[in-house]
Amino acid sequence: MLCPSFAYLLEYLTKSVYRVMAKMESLSAVEEEMLQFLRRSFQVNAHALKPEFKRLLEKLKRYENNPLETRAFSYLDVISWLESKINNVPVQEVIRQKYLQSKKK
């Protein structure tokens, strides 16, 4: 569980980033989904986080092959990170498995 002052700071910073990006009109759909997830996650306890990860993964997979959303995925492999959290494996293992599967094709 987060310290209340730390949780407050994270919530404040998330809202602040959202406002700045929205004003700059540079907020992609992927970034918006991720920021909405962060805002919701402050009210979710640790045990209910895995279903939230699954929902976010489903939403983000819709954008994975969208050319307009490549910028968000190029900085962070959030899909692999979410899969690692959902399956309780290190993110390196998820990325390694994806690489091995791509070599088979």
Protein backbone atom coordinates (compact mmCIF):
# COMPACT_ATOMS: atom_id res chain seq x y z
CA MET A 1 0.00 0.00 0.00
CA LEU A 2 1.24 3.44 -0.87
CA CYS A 3 1.92 6.10 1.71
CA PRO A 4 -1.05 8.52 1.58
CA SER A 5 1.12 11.53 0.72
CA PHE A 6 2.88 9.57 -2.04
CA ALA A 7 -0.45 8.40 -3.46
CA TYR A 8 -1.71 11.97 -3.39
CA LEU A 9 1.42 13.15 -5.22
CA LEU A 10 1.09 10.46 -7.90
CA GLU A 11 -2.58 11.31 -8.42
CA TYR A 12 -1.75 15.01 -8.67
CA LEU A 13 1.07 14.39 -11.16
CA THR A 14 -1.09 12.11 -13.30
CA LYS A 15 -3.80 14.76 -13.55
CA SER A 16 -1.19 17.40 -14.30
CA VAL A 17 0.39 15.37 -17.12
CA TYR A 18 -3.04 14.67 -18.57
CA ARG A 19 -3.92 18.39 -18.59
CA VAL A 20 -0.62 19.41 -20.21
CA MET A 21 -0.82 16.75 -22.90
CA ALA A 22 -4.46 17.55 -23.60
CA LYS A 23 -3.65 21.26 -23.99
CA MET A 24 -0.82 20.41 -26.38
CA GLU A 25 -3.25 18.20 -28.29
CA SER A 26 -0.62 15.47 -28.41
CA LEU A 27 -2.50 12.88 -26.40
CA SER A 28 -2.82 9.64 -28.33
CA ALA A 29 -5.56 7.11 -27.62
CA VAL A 30 -3.01 4.76 -26.04
CA GLU A 31 -1.67 7.47 -23.76
CA GLU A 32 -5.18 8.47 -22.80
CA GLU A 33 -6.09 4.87 -21.90
CA MET A 34 -2.93 4.56 -19.81
CA LEU A 35 -3.56 7.82 -17.96
CA GLN A 36 -7.18 6.84 -17.29
CA PHE A 37 -5.94 3.52 -15.95
CA LEU A 38 -3.51 5.30 -13.63
CA ARG A 39 -6.25 7.58 -12.34
CA ARG A 40 -8.55 4.61 -11.67
CA SER A 41 -5.79 2.52 -10.09
CA PHE A 42 -5.49 4.85 -7.10
CA GLN A 43 -8.88 3.60 -5.89
CA VAL A 44 -8.11 -0.09 -6.51
CA ASN A 45 -6.53 -2.28 -3.88
CA ALA A 46 -3.56 -4.50 -4.76
CA HIS A 47 -5.69 -7.68 -5.00
CA ALA A 48 -8.00 -6.18 -7.61
CA LEU A 49 -5.19 -4.85 -9.77
CA LYS A 50 -4.75 -7.92 -11.97
CA PRO A 51 -8.27 -7.65 -13.51
CA GLU A 52 -7.55 -3.96 -14.15
CA PHE A 53 -4.32 -4.94 -15.92
CA LYS A 54 -6.31 -7.38 -18.08
CA ARG A 55 -8.83 -4.68 -19.02
CA LEU A 56 -6.07 -2.25 -19.94
CA LEU A 57 -4.31 -4.94 -21.99
CA GLU A 58 -7.51 -5.64 -23.95
CA LYS A 59 -7.96 -1.93 -24.65
CA LEU A 60 -4.36 -1.38 -25.71
CA LYS A 61 -4.22 -4.43 -27.98
CA ARG A 62 -6.87 -2.73 -30.14
CA TYR A 63 -4.31 -0.02 -30.94
CA GLU A 64 -1.24 -2.24 -31.32
CA ASN A 65 -1.30 -2.29 -35.14
CA ASN A 66 -2.70 1.21 -35.60
CA PRO A 67 -0.11 3.35 -37.43
CA LEU A 68 -1.32 6.47 -35.62
CA GLU A 69 -0.50 4.93 -32.25
CA THR A 70 3.02 3.65 -32.93
CA ARG A 71 4.65 6.53 -31.04
CA ALA A 72 3.22 5.39 -27.70
CA PHE A 73 4.35 1.80 -28.24
CA SER A 74 7.83 2.76 -29.46
CA TYR A 75 8.87 4.26 -26.12
CA LEU A 76 7.61 1.53 -23.85
CA ASP A 77 6.58 -2.05 -24.51
CA VAL A 78 3.55 -1.68 -22.27
CA ILE A 79 1.86 -4.73 -23.84
CA SER A 80 4.70 -7.03 -22.74
CA TRP A 81 4.85 -5.36 -19.34
CA LEU A 82 1.12 -5.92 -18.78
CA GLU A 83 1.37 -9.54 -19.92
CA SER A 84 4.21 -10.07 -17.45
CA LYS A 85 2.16 -8.64 -14.59
CA ILE A 86 -0.90 -10.70 -15.51
CA ASN A 87 1.08 -13.95 -15.85
CA ASN A 88 3.48 -13.32 -12.94
CA VAL A 89 6.61 -13.72 -15.04
CA PRO A 90 9.48 -11.30 -15.62
CA VAL A 91 8.96 -8.92 -18.52
CA GLN A 92 12.23 -10.15 -20.04
CA GLU A 93 10.71 -13.62 -20.34
CA VAL A 94 7.64 -12.29 -22.15
CA ILE A 95 9.81 -10.34 -24.59
CA ARG A 96 12.09 -13.36 -25.08
CA GLN A 97 9.11 -15.61 -25.87
CA LYS A 98 7.75 -13.10 -28.38
CA TYR A 99 11.16 -12.91 -30.04
CA LEU A 100 11.43 -16.71 -30.26
CA GLN A 101 7.93 -16.94 -31.74
CA SER A 102 8.75 -14.30 -34.34
CA LYS A 103 11.87 -16.23 -35.39
CA LYS A 104 9.76 -19.38 -35.97
CA LYS A 105 7.57 -17.49 -38.44
